[in-house]
Amino acid sequence: MDFVKDWMKAADKRDKQKSKLLADIKIKPDIVNLLKKYDREPSHIDDIYELLLTSVAGENLASSVVKNPKLLEHYLRMESEGKKSPEIAYALVRLRRSN
């Protein structure tokens, strides 16, 4: 029973950390301006993070993309071109590896 309790506490802690991370990112002026450029609201950061998290990207890339204006711009540009999240994630993995 302690294992389950510990696991639940750890999951709750991770959720709180993720929420804080995303909340902090959504108020950064460079991120807000970039989202405006692509006619997106700050809440779109949550969508991007979750879409990348559930695709091939994983948590590390999802965090990197929403925190990094250069990677975020690549995501938003490809999204505006009609590409889907798995394709975008794959391209971003390759881009990040080449840098």
Protein backbone atom coordinates (compact mmCIF):
# COMPACT_ATOMS: atom_id res chain seq x y z
CA MET A 1 0.00 0.00 0.00
CA ASP A 2 2.90 2.38 0.71
CA PHE A 3 4.14 1.83 -2.82
CA VAL A 4 0.85 3.06 -4.27
CA LYS A 5 0.79 6.03 -1.91
CA ASP A 6 4.39 6.94 -2.82
CA TRP A 7 3.65 6.55 -6.52
CA MET A 8 0.59 8.81 -6.21
CA LYS A 9 2.61 11.45 -4.35
CA ALA A 10 5.33 11.35 -7.00
CA ALA A 11 2.76 11.62 -9.80
CA ASP A 12 1.11 14.57 -8.07
CA LYS A 13 4.49 16.26 -7.66
CA ARG A 14 5.28 15.76 -11.37
CA ASP A 15 1.89 17.19 -12.34
CA LYS A 16 2.46 20.27 -10.19
CA GLN A 17 5.94 20.76 -11.66
CA LYS A 18 4.57 20.43 -15.19
CA SER A 19 1.76 22.89 -14.47
CA LYS A 20 4.21 25.42 -13.05
CA LEU A 21 6.59 24.97 -15.98
CA LEU A 22 3.82 25.53 -18.52
CA ALA A 23 2.35 28.47 -16.59
CA ASP A 24 5.77 30.15 -16.46
CA ILE A 25 6.36 29.59 -20.17
CA LYS A 26 2.97 31.02 -21.16
CA ILE A 27 3.85 34.43 -19.71
CA LYS A 28 7.33 34.78 -21.22
CA PRO A 29 7.18 37.75 -23.62
CA ASP A 30 9.18 36.04 -26.39
CA ILE A 31 6.88 33.01 -26.27
CA VAL A 32 3.70 35.13 -26.14
CA ASN A 33 4.88 37.19 -29.13
CA LEU A 34 5.74 34.07 -31.09
CA LEU A 35 2.31 32.60 -30.41
CA LYS A 36 0.67 35.85 -31.53
CA LYS A 37 2.68 35.73 -34.75
CA TYR A 38 0.96 32.42 -35.53
CA ASP A 39 -2.42 33.62 -34.21
CA ARG A 40 -2.33 31.31 -31.21
CA GLU A 41 -3.25 31.88 -27.58
CA PRO A 42 -0.84 31.10 -24.71
CA SER A 43 -3.03 28.12 -23.82
CA HIS A 44 -1.81 26.49 -27.05
CA ILE A 45 1.43 25.73 -25.18
CA ASP A 46 -0.53 23.13 -23.18
CA ASP A 47 -1.79 21.57 -26.41
CA ILE A 48 1.66 21.46 -27.98
CA TYR A 49 3.18 19.93 -24.87
CA GLU A 50 0.51 17.21 -24.62
CA LEU A 51 0.56 16.44 -28.35
CA LEU A 52 4.33 16.03 -28.34
CA LEU A 53 4.24 14.07 -25.10
CA THR A 54 1.84 11.54 -26.58
CA SER A 55 3.69 11.29 -29.89
CA VAL A 56 7.16 9.91 -30.45
CA ALA A 57 8.70 12.94 -28.76
CA GLY A 58 8.45 12.16 -25.08
CA GLU A 59 8.67 14.50 -22.11
CA ASN A 60 12.19 15.77 -22.76
CA LEU A 61 11.48 17.01 -26.29
CA ALA A 62 8.03 18.32 -25.34
CA SER A 63 9.60 20.48 -22.61
CA SER A 64 12.41 21.61 -24.88
CA VAL A 65 10.05 22.70 -27.65
CA VAL A 66 7.71 24.76 -25.50
CA LYS A 67 10.64 26.42 -23.66
CA ASN A 68 12.81 27.19 -26.67
CA PRO A 69 11.56 29.94 -29.02
CA LYS A 70 13.56 28.55 -31.95
CA LEU A 71 12.12 25.04 -31.60
CA LEU A 72 8.67 26.42 -30.84
CA GLU A 73 8.76 28.50 -34.01
CA HIS A 74 9.65 25.40 -36.03
CA TYR A 75 6.70 23.61 -34.45
CA LEU A 76 4.28 26.49 -35.11
CA ARG A 77 5.48 26.91 -38.70
CA MET A 78 5.08 23.22 -39.49
CA GLU A 79 1.70 23.19 -37.75
CA SER A 80 0.58 26.16 -39.86
CA GLU A 81 1.65 24.19 -42.95
CA GLY A 82 -0.81 21.46 -41.96
CA LYS A 83 1.67 18.92 -40.65
CA LYS A 84 0.53 16.63 -37.82
CA SER A 85 2.21 16.31 -34.44
CA PRO A 86 4.03 12.98 -35.06
CA GLU A 87 5.59 14.37 -38.24
CA ILE A 88 6.50 17.60 -36.46
CA ALA A 89 7.98 15.67 -33.52
CA TYR A 90 10.12 13.57 -35.82
CA ALA A 91 11.42 16.68 -37.60
CA LEU A 92 12.17 18.38 -34.28
CA VAL A 93 14.04 15.34 -32.98
CA ARG A 94 16.22 15.44 -36.10
CA LEU A 95 16.67 19.23 -35.80
CA ARG A 96 17.66 19.02 -32.16
CA ARG A 97 20.14 16.23 -32.85
CA SER A 98 21.81 18.26 -35.59
CA ASN A 99 22.42 21.24 -33.26
